[in-house]
Amino acid sequence: MSDASYRDAIYSTPLDRTARFSFDERVVACFPDMIRRSVPGYGQILGMLGLIARRHLRHGAHVYDLGCSLGAGGLALAGSLAPDAFRYTGVDLSPAMVARAREILATECPEYAMEIVEGDIRRLDYRPAGMILLNFTLQFLEPSERDAVLVALYEALEPGGVLVLSEKIVDPDEADNAWRVERYHDFKRANGYSELEISQKRTALENVLVPDTLDTHHARLARSGFTRSLTWFQYLNFASLVAFKEPGIARAEAE
């Protein structure tokens, strides 16, 4: 197929205003184009994963990619690391994403120990891991569920392991947040989205994607056991954080 077959045009015609965004077959078909044109800095975040892994991932350790979509995190690691450097499990709740991700990884990385499983990251039985990727996934969970997920991830990480958390964010200052959102819409316009597409996508995501402030993310990570976290990347209202599980430090239970 030509690239045009995969162009994101889901919101290019008027839709029912009650339609909610979901990771269905339509989204899977155009997902690479959608995320490239909709998430500022996505390529840079992927590009750094291998470099972060080289510094922090124990050789042969397990990597989780939660909300993996089409396995881009796994492909990024495979582009930087040898086949015996890690074992990869991508997890996604969308059957359509899982099916397509399995095809992609089988074709692109046949020599790597990589699997894609259909599952809910809130209920997964985690194995010990040296690195966990949580890229643009936490934002789709209910805010009340996010702490519990991060506690589970902290417990799953090996001492010295790292969590990479990437999210759409909101600025606590109303004026600053409005400026970032306006520039984000400019970014989408520059990538060929129409006013109708921008408006309808925003409506479809209301109450589906609920962003947090950076301070909220860091506070939640601290509550979950991570004694050190930092924002290593930000582009408009999108950011990526890295949190470290320090060797020899157990999680303190909340009083």
C-alpha atoms as a PDB file:
ATOM      1  CA  MET A   1       0.000   0.000   0.000  1.00  0.00           C
ATOM      2  CA  SER A   2       1.018   3.615  -0.496  1.00  0.00           C
ATOM      3  CA  ASP A   3       1.672   5.918   2.446  1.00  0.00           C
ATOM      4  CA  ALA A   4      -1.592   7.707   1.630  1.00  0.00           C
ATOM      5  CA  SER A   5      -3.488   4.580   2.695  1.00  0.00           C
ATOM      6  CA  TYR A   6      -2.221   5.118   6.221  1.00  0.00           C
ATOM      7  CA  ARG A   7      -2.857   8.862   6.513  1.00  0.00           C
ATOM      8  CA  ASP A   8      -4.879   9.903   9.543  1.00  0.00           C
ATOM      9  CA  ALA A   9      -8.198  11.214   8.236  1.00  0.00           C
ATOM     10  CA  ILE A  10     -10.482   9.886  10.987  1.00  0.00           C
ATOM     11  CA  TYR A  11     -11.705  13.336  12.030  1.00  0.00           C
ATOM     12  CA  SER A  12     -11.763  14.933   8.588  1.00  0.00           C
ATOM     13  CA  THR A  13     -15.542  14.604   8.199  1.00  0.00           C
ATOM     14  CA  PRO A  14     -18.255  15.599  10.708  1.00  0.00           C
ATOM     15  CA  LEU A  15     -18.818  12.959  13.370  1.00  0.00           C
ATOM     16  CA  ASP A  16     -21.341  12.370  16.129  1.00  0.00           C
ATOM     17  CA  ARG A  17     -20.298  14.691  18.970  1.00  0.00           C
ATOM     18  CA  THR A  18     -20.790  11.832  21.442  1.00  0.00           C
ATOM     19  CA  ALA A  19     -18.159   9.678  19.690  1.00  0.00           C
ATOM     20  CA  ARG A  20     -15.270   8.905  22.036  1.00  0.00           C
ATOM     21  CA  PHE A  21     -11.712   8.196  21.011  1.00  0.00           C
ATOM     22  CA  SER A  22     -10.714   4.529  21.093  1.00  0.00           C
ATOM     23  CA  PHE A  23      -7.800   2.466  19.816  1.00  0.00           C
ATOM     24  CA  ASP A  24      -9.854   0.575  17.263  1.00  0.00           C
ATOM     25  CA  GLU A  25      -9.031  -0.771  13.801  1.00  0.00           C
ATOM     26  CA  ARG A  26      -9.329   2.681  12.212  1.00  0.00           C
ATOM     27  CA  VAL A  27      -6.766   4.129  14.597  1.00  0.00           C
ATOM     28  CA  VAL A  28      -4.430   1.149  14.170  1.00  0.00           C
ATOM     29  CA  ALA A  29      -4.466   1.588  10.391  1.00  0.00           C
ATOM     30  CA  CYS A  30      -3.231   5.182  10.579  1.00  0.00           C
ATOM     31  CA  PHE A  31      -1.513   5.190  13.981  1.00  0.00           C
ATOM     32  CA  PRO A  32       2.079   5.888  12.824  1.00  0.00           C
ATOM     33  CA  ASP A  33       0.896   8.921  10.873  1.00  0.00           C
ATOM     34  CA  MET A  34      -1.436  10.038  13.666  1.00  0.00           C
ATOM     35  CA  ILE A  35       1.205  10.001  16.368  1.00  0.00           C
ATOM     36  CA  ARG A  36       3.880  11.565  14.161  1.00  0.00           C
ATOM     37  CA  ARG A  37       1.599  14.493  13.334  1.00  0.00           C
ATOM     38  CA  SER A  38      -0.056  14.764  16.768  1.00  0.00           C
ATOM     39  CA  VAL A  39       2.655  14.227  19.407  1.00  0.00           C
ATOM     40  CA  PRO A  40       5.456  16.801  19.394  1.00  0.00           C
ATOM     41  CA  GLY A  41       8.815  15.210  20.153  1.00  0.00           C
ATOM     42  CA  TYR A  42       7.642  11.602  19.828  1.00  0.00           C
ATOM     43  CA  GLY A  43      10.551  10.691  17.574  1.00  0.00           C
ATOM     44  CA  GLN A  44      13.060  12.282  19.945  1.00  0.00           C
ATOM     45  CA  ILE A  45      11.634  10.358  22.895  1.00  0.00           C
ATOM     46  CA  LEU A  46      11.914   7.068  21.005  1.00  0.00           C
ATOM     47  CA  GLY A  47      15.418   7.951  19.902  1.00  0.00           C
ATOM     48  CA  MET A  48      16.602   8.345  23.493  1.00  0.00           C
ATOM     49  CA  LEU A  49      15.244   5.029  24.767  1.00  0.00           C
ATOM     50  CA  GLY A  50      18.211   3.032  23.511  1.00  0.00           C
ATOM     51  CA  LEU A  51      20.665   5.527  24.964  1.00  0.00           C
ATOM     52  CA  ILE A  52      18.921   5.436  28.354  1.00  0.00           C
ATOM     53  CA  ALA A  53      18.919   1.637  28.223  1.00  0.00           C
ATOM     54  CA  ARG A  54      22.636   1.532  27.483  1.00  0.00           C
ATOM     55  CA  ARG A  55      23.309   3.508  30.636  1.00  0.00           C
ATOM     56  CA  HIS A  56      20.823   1.895  33.002  1.00  0.00           C
ATOM     57  CA  LEU A  57      19.648  -1.485  31.738  1.00  0.00           C
ATOM     58  CA  ARG A  58      21.385  -4.577  33.078  1.00  0.00           C
ATOM     59  CA  HIS A  59      22.492  -6.819  30.213  1.00  0.00           C
ATOM     60  CA  GLY A  60      19.808  -9.387  29.458  1.00  0.00           C
ATOM     61  CA  ALA A  61      17.216  -7.749  31.699  1.00  0.00           C
ATOM     62  CA  HIS A  62      13.507  -7.681  30.984  1.00  0.00           C
ATOM     63  CA  VAL A  63      11.828  -4.575  29.547  1.00  0.00           C
ATOM     64  CA  TYR A  64       8.124  -3.821  29.746  1.00  0.00           C
ATOM     65  CA  ASP A  65       6.481  -1.457  27.254  1.00  0.00           C
ATOM     66  CA  LEU A  66       3.054  -0.689  28.717  1.00  0.00           C
ATOM     67  CA  GLY A  67       0.421   0.604  26.358  1.00  0.00           C
ATOM     68  CA  CYS A  68       2.876  -0.368  23.644  1.00  0.00           C
ATOM     69  CA  SER A  69       0.556   0.325  20.680  1.00  0.00           C
ATOM     70  CA  LEU A  70       2.478  -0.934  17.634  1.00  0.00           C
ATOM     71  CA  GLY A  71       5.666  -1.723  19.562  1.00  0.00           C
ATOM     72  CA  ALA A  72       7.602   1.421  18.674  1.00  0.00           C
ATOM     73  CA  GLY A  73       9.436   1.276  22.004  1.00  0.00           C
ATOM     74  CA  GLY A  74      10.653  -2.227  21.258  1.00  0.00           C
ATOM     75  CA  LEU A  75      11.739  -1.244  17.757  1.00  0.00           C
ATOM     76  CA  ALA A  76      13.666   1.699  19.201  1.00  0.00           C
ATOM     77  CA  LEU A  77      15.509  -0.541  21.658  1.00  0.00           C
ATOM     78  CA  ALA A  78      16.255  -3.104  18.978  1.00  0.00           C
ATOM     79  CA  GLY A  79      17.757  -0.349  16.859  1.00  0.00           C
ATOM     80  CA  SER A  80      20.313   0.406  19.592  1.00  0.00           C
ATOM     81  CA  LEU A  81      20.903  -2.864  21.449  1.00  0.00           C
ATOM     82  CA  ALA A  82      22.067  -6.357  20.530  1.00  0.00           C
ATOM     83  CA  PRO A  83      19.543  -9.214  20.491  1.00  0.00           C
ATOM     84  CA  ASP A  84      20.902 -10.661  23.745  1.00  0.00           C
ATOM     85  CA  ALA A  85      20.883  -7.285  25.557  1.00  0.00           C
ATOM     86  CA  PHE A  86      17.244  -7.433  26.677  1.00  0.00           C
ATOM     87  CA  ARG A  87      13.959  -9.308  26.648  1.00  0.00           C
ATOM     88  CA  TYR A  88      10.894  -7.310  25.702  1.00  0.00           C
ATOM     89  CA  THR A  89       7.215  -7.578  26.582  1.00  0.00           C
ATOM     90  CA  GLY A  90       4.822  -5.107  25.042  1.00  0.00           C
ATOM     91  CA  VAL A  91       1.385  -4.893  26.647  1.00  0.00           C
ATOM     92  CA  ASP A  92      -1.716  -3.325  25.155  1.00  0.00           C
ATOM     93  CA  LEU A  93      -5.434  -3.476  25.860  1.00  0.00           C
ATOM     94  CA  SER A  94      -6.466  -3.100  22.206  1.00  0.00           C
ATOM     95  CA  PRO A  95      -6.774  -6.408  20.330  1.00  0.00           C
ATOM     96  CA  ALA A  96      -6.256  -4.590  17.031  1.00  0.00           C
ATOM     97  CA  MET A  97      -3.026  -2.990  18.276  1.00  0.00           C
ATOM     98  CA  VAL A  98      -1.768  -6.295  19.642  1.00  0.00           C
ATOM     99  CA  ALA A  99      -2.370  -8.159  16.412  1.00  0.00           C
ATOM    100  CA  ARG A 100      -0.625  -5.552  14.283  1.00  0.00           C
ATOM    101  CA  ALA A 101       2.276  -5.117  16.743  1.00  0.00           C
ATOM    102  CA  ARG A 102       2.968  -8.845  16.668  1.00  0.00           C
ATOM    103  CA  GLU A 103       3.175  -8.734  12.884  1.00  0.00           C
ATOM    104  CA  ILE A 104       5.534  -5.752  12.914  1.00  0.00           C
ATOM    105  CA  LEU A 105       7.951  -7.156  15.493  1.00  0.00           C
ATOM    106  CA  ALA A 106       7.996 -10.590  13.874  1.00  0.00           C
ATOM    107  CA  THR A 107       8.978  -8.949  10.598  1.00  0.00           C
ATOM    108  CA  GLU A 108      11.369  -6.291  11.868  1.00  0.00           C
ATOM    109  CA  CYS A 109      13.037  -8.035  14.843  1.00  0.00           C
ATOM    110  CA  PRO A 110      12.878 -11.807  14.306  1.00  0.00           C
ATOM    111  CA  GLU A 111      16.154 -12.406  16.161  1.00  0.00           C
ATOM    112  CA  TYR A 112      15.069 -10.571  19.327  1.00  0.00           C
ATOM    113  CA  ALA A 113      13.247 -12.055  22.332  1.00  0.00           C
ATOM    114  CA  MET A 114      10.127  -9.917  21.967  1.00  0.00           C
ATOM    115  CA  GLU A 115       6.501 -10.641  22.758  1.00  0.00           C
ATOM    116  CA  ILE A 116       3.256  -8.663  22.643  1.00  0.00           C
ATOM    117  CA  VAL A 117       0.485  -9.580  25.060  1.00  0.00           C
ATOM    118  CA  GLU A 118      -3.065  -8.347  25.326  1.00  0.00           C
ATOM    119  CA  GLY A 119      -3.643  -7.211  28.878  1.00  0.00           C
ATOM    120  CA  ASP A 120      -4.653  -4.532  31.349  1.00  0.00           C
ATOM    121  CA  ILE A 121      -1.630  -2.890  32.985  1.00  0.00           C
ATOM    122  CA  ARG A 122      -3.731  -2.316  36.127  1.00  0.00           C
ATOM    123  CA  ARG A 123      -4.026  -6.068  36.672  1.00  0.00           C
ATOM    124  CA  LEU A 124      -0.863  -7.492  35.163  1.00  0.00           C
ATOM    125  CA  ASP A 125       1.262  -9.985  37.115  1.00  0.00           C
ATOM    126  CA  TYR A 126       4.606  -8.246  36.626  1.00  0.00           C
ATOM    127  CA  ARG A 127       7.907 -10.075  36.458  1.00  0.00           C
ATOM    128  CA  PRO A 128      11.126  -8.374  37.624  1.00  0.00           C
ATOM    129  CA  ALA A 129      12.213  -5.804  35.045  1.00  0.00           C
ATOM    130  CA  GLY A 130      15.238  -3.615  34.483  1.00  0.00           C
ATOM    131  CA  MET A 131      13.361  -0.980  32.491  1.00  0.00           C
ATOM    132  CA  ILE A 132       9.709  -0.051  32.100  1.00  0.00           C
ATOM    133  CA  LEU A 133       8.338   2.193  29.354  1.00  0.00           C
ATOM    134  CA  LEU A 134       5.053   3.972  30.044  1.00  0.00           C
ATOM    135  CA  ASN A 135       4.722   6.238  27.047  1.00  0.00           C
ATOM    136  CA  PHE A 136       1.455   8.195  26.732  1.00  0.00           C
ATOM    137  CA  THR A 137      -0.499   5.509  28.580  1.00  0.00           C
ATOM    138  CA  LEU A 138      -1.058   6.625  32.179  1.00  0.00           C
ATOM    139  CA  GLN A 139      -3.096   9.588  30.894  1.00  0.00           C
ATOM    140  CA  PHE A 140      -5.817   7.201  29.680  1.00  0.00           C
ATOM    141  CA  LEU A 141      -6.377   5.696  33.136  1.00  0.00           C
ATOM    142  CA  GLU A 142      -8.675   7.196  35.742  1.00  0.00           C
ATOM    143  CA  PRO A 143      -6.610   9.553  37.938  1.00  0.00           C
ATOM    144  CA  SER A 144      -7.636   7.533  40.990  1.00  0.00           C
ATOM    145  CA  GLU A 145      -6.000   4.423  39.472  1.00  0.00           C
ATOM    146  CA  ARG A 146      -2.631   5.922  38.586  1.00  0.00           C
ATOM    147  CA  ASP A 147      -0.920   5.669  41.987  1.00  0.00           C
ATOM    148  CA  ALA A 148      -1.606   1.955  42.255  1.00  0.00           C
ATOM    149  CA  VAL A 149      -0.153   1.301  38.817  1.00  0.00           C
ATOM    150  CA  LEU A 150       3.055   3.162  39.618  1.00  0.00           C
ATOM    151  CA  VAL A 151       3.409   1.331  42.942  1.00  0.00           C
ATOM    152  CA  ALA A 152       3.183  -1.972  41.046  1.00  0.00           C
ATOM    153  CA  LEU A 153       5.795  -0.785  38.557  1.00  0.00           C
ATOM    154  CA  TYR A 154       8.142   0.345  41.320  1.00  0.00           C
ATOM    155  CA  GLU A 155       7.844  -3.066  42.957  1.00  0.00           C
ATOM    156  CA  ALA A 156       8.511  -4.817  39.628  1.00  0.00           C
ATOM    157  CA  LEU A 157      11.658  -2.839  38.864  1.00  0.00           C
ATOM    158  CA  GLU A 158      14.995  -4.309  39.844  1.00  0.00           C
ATOM    159  CA  PRO A 159      17.229  -2.130  42.033  1.00  0.00           C
ATOM    160  CA  GLY A 160      19.000   0.229  39.646  1.00  0.00           C
ATOM    161  CA  GLY A 161      16.140  -0.033  37.143  1.00  0.00           C
ATOM    162  CA  VAL A 162      14.433   2.896  35.440  1.00  0.00           C
ATOM    163  CA  LEU A 163      10.923   3.925  34.474  1.00  0.00           C
ATOM    164  CA  VAL A 164      10.426   6.189  31.453  1.00  0.00           C
ATOM    165  CA  LEU A 165       7.098   7.997  31.742  1.00  0.00           C
ATOM    166  CA  SER A 166       5.917  10.165  28.839  1.00  0.00           C
ATOM    167  CA  GLU A 167       2.653  12.099  28.998  1.00  0.00           C
ATOM    168  CA  LYS A 168       0.622  14.962  27.685  1.00  0.00           C
ATOM    169  CA  ILE A 169       0.699  17.536  30.479  1.00  0.00           C
ATOM    170  CA  VAL A 170      -1.222  20.567  31.675  1.00  0.00           C
ATOM    171  CA  ASP A 171       0.386  23.749  33.010  1.00  0.00           C
ATOM    172  CA  PRO A 172      -0.942  24.965  36.384  1.00  0.00           C
ATOM    173  CA  ASP A 173      -0.774  28.566  35.148  1.00  0.00           C
ATOM    174  CA  GLU A 174      -3.904  29.155  33.066  1.00  0.00           C
ATOM    175  CA  ALA A 175      -2.316  31.683  30.714  1.00  0.00           C
ATOM    176  CA  ASP A 176       0.799  29.581  30.152  1.00  0.00           C
ATOM    177  CA  ASN A 177      -1.305  26.500  29.556  1.00  0.00           C
ATOM    178  CA  ALA A 178      -3.460  28.337  27.017  1.00  0.00           C
ATOM    179  CA  TRP A 179      -0.329  29.466  25.170  1.00  0.00           C
ATOM    180  CA  ARG A 180       1.048  25.927  25.015  1.00  0.00           C
ATOM    181  CA  VAL A 181      -2.285  24.540  23.786  1.00  0.00           C
ATOM    182  CA  GLU A 182      -2.552  27.226  21.117  1.00  0.00           C
ATOM    183  CA  ARG A 183       0.973  26.493  19.906  1.00  0.00           C
ATOM    184  CA  TYR A 184       0.160  22.771  19.950  1.00  0.00           C
ATOM    185  CA  HIS A 185      -2.780  23.448  17.656  1.00  0.00           C
ATOM    186  CA  ASP A 186      -0.415  25.446  15.440  1.00  0.00           C
ATOM    187  CA  PHE A 187       1.832  22.372  15.383  1.00  0.00           C
ATOM    188  CA  LYS A 188      -1.083  20.237  14.212  1.00  0.00           C
ATOM    189  CA  ARG A 189      -2.082  22.790  11.580  1.00  0.00           C
ATOM    190  CA  ALA A 190       1.486  22.817  10.282  1.00  0.00           C
ATOM    191  CA  ASN A 191       1.251  19.031   9.977  1.00  0.00           C
ATOM    192  CA  GLY A 192      -1.826  19.260   7.784  1.00  0.00           C
ATOM    193  CA  TYR A 193      -4.733  18.909  10.204  1.00  0.00           C
ATOM    194  CA  SER A 194      -7.796  21.044   9.513  1.00  0.00           C
ATOM    195  CA  GLU A 195      -9.744  23.087  12.054  1.00  0.00           C
ATOM    196  CA  LEU A 196     -12.489  20.454  11.931  1.00  0.00           C
ATOM    197  CA  GLU A 197     -10.033  17.648  12.643  1.00  0.00           C
ATOM    198  CA  ILE A 198      -8.425  19.525  15.546  1.00  0.00           C
ATOM    199  CA  SER A 199     -11.806  20.380  17.072  1.00  0.00           C
ATOM    200  CA  GLN A 200     -13.320  16.913  16.689  1.00  0.00           C
ATOM    201  CA  LYS A 201     -10.228  15.118  18.021  1.00  0.00           C
ATOM    202  CA  ARG A 202     -10.219  17.386  21.060  1.00  0.00           C
ATOM    203  CA  THR A 203     -13.908  16.637  21.714  1.00  0.00           C
ATOM    204  CA  ALA A 204     -13.397  12.898  21.264  1.00  0.00           C
ATOM    205  CA  LEU A 205     -10.591  12.899  23.843  1.00  0.00           C
ATOM    206  CA  GLU A 206     -12.487  14.820  26.520  1.00  0.00           C
ATOM    207  CA  ASN A 207     -12.709  12.708  29.696  1.00  0.00           C
ATOM    208  CA  VAL A 208     -10.789   9.945  27.876  1.00  0.00           C
ATOM    209  CA  LEU A 209      -7.331  11.517  28.109  1.00  0.00           C
ATOM    210  CA  VAL A 210      -6.976  13.414  31.412  1.00  0.00           C
ATOM    211  CA  PRO A 211      -3.552  15.082  31.742  1.00  0.00           C
ATOM    212  CA  ASP A 212      -1.690  15.955  34.934  1.00  0.00           C
ATOM    213  CA  THR A 213       0.806  18.682  35.768  1.00  0.00           C
ATOM    214  CA  LEU A 214       4.492  17.832  35.926  1.00  0.00           C
ATOM    215  CA  ASP A 215       4.450  18.466  39.668  1.00  0.00           C
ATOM    216  CA  THR A 216       1.626  15.938  40.030  1.00  0.00           C
ATOM    217  CA  HIS A 217       3.636  13.343  38.121  1.00  0.00           C
ATOM    218  CA  HIS A 218       6.734  13.837  40.251  1.00  0.00           C
ATOM    219  CA  ALA A 219       4.708  13.762  43.472  1.00  0.00           C
ATOM    220  CA  ARG A 220       2.978  10.554  42.397  1.00  0.00           C
ATOM    221  CA  LEU A 221       6.314   8.947  41.525  1.00  0.00           C
ATOM    222  CA  ALA A 222       7.650   9.905  44.958  1.00  0.00           C
ATOM    223  CA  ARG A 223       4.583   8.411  46.673  1.00  0.00           C
ATOM    224  CA  SER A 224       5.108   5.219  44.700  1.00  0.00           C
ATOM    225  CA  GLY A 225       8.626   4.768  46.046  1.00  0.00           C
ATOM    226  CA  PHE A 226      10.840   6.541  43.526  1.00  0.00           C
ATOM    227  CA  THR A 227      13.237   8.744  45.491  1.00  0.00           C
ATOM    228  CA  ARG A 228      14.555  10.402  42.334  1.00  0.00           C
ATOM    229  CA  SER A 229      12.787  11.492  39.154  1.00  0.00           C
ATOM    230  CA  LEU A 230      13.440  14.204  36.621  1.00  0.00           C
ATOM    231  CA  THR A 231      11.881  15.726  33.530  1.00  0.00           C
ATOM    232  CA  TRP A 232      14.392  15.081  30.791  1.00  0.00           C
ATOM    233  CA  PHE A 233      12.323  16.276  27.824  1.00  0.00           C
ATOM    234  CA  GLN A 234       9.498  18.717  27.150  1.00  0.00           C
ATOM    235  CA  TYR A 235       8.022  19.994  23.892  1.00  0.00           C
ATOM    236  CA  LEU A 236       5.005  22.283  24.379  1.00  0.00           C
ATOM    237  CA  ASN A 237       2.452  20.320  26.447  1.00  0.00           C
ATOM    238  CA  PHE A 238       4.179  16.953  26.081  1.00  0.00           C
ATOM    239  CA  ALA A 239       6.916  15.713  28.390  1.00  0.00           C
ATOM    240  CA  SER A 240       8.976  12.679  29.301  1.00  0.00           C
ATOM    241  CA  LEU A 241      10.247  11.827  32.771  1.00  0.00           C
ATOM    242  CA  VAL A 242      12.708   9.248  34.016  1.00  0.00           C
ATOM    243  CA  ALA A 243      12.413   7.763  37.501  1.00  0.00           C
ATOM    244  CA  PHE A 244      15.118   5.687  39.169  1.00  0.00           C
ATOM    245  CA  LYS A 245      14.817   2.795  41.594  1.00  0.00           C
ATOM    246  CA  GLU A 246      17.895   3.315  43.695  1.00  0.00           C
ATOM    247  CA  PRO A 247      19.779   0.171  44.762  1.00  0.00           C
ATOM    248  CA  GLY A 248      19.119  -0.866  48.329  1.00  0.00           C
ATOM    249  CA  ILE A 249      16.120   1.415  48.919  1.00  0.00           C
ATOM    250  CA  ALA A 250      12.806  -0.238  49.724  1.00  0.00           C
ATOM    251  CA  ARG A 251       9.511   1.549  49.262  1.00  0.00           C
ATOM    252  CA  ALA A 252       8.218   3.199  52.417  1.00  0.00           C
ATOM    253  CA  GLU A 253       4.567   2.374  53.096  1.00  0.00           C
ATOM    254  CA  ALA A 254       2.231   5.340  53.346  1.00  0.00           C
ATOM    255  CA  GLU A 255       1.258   6.185  56.913  1.00  0.00           C
END
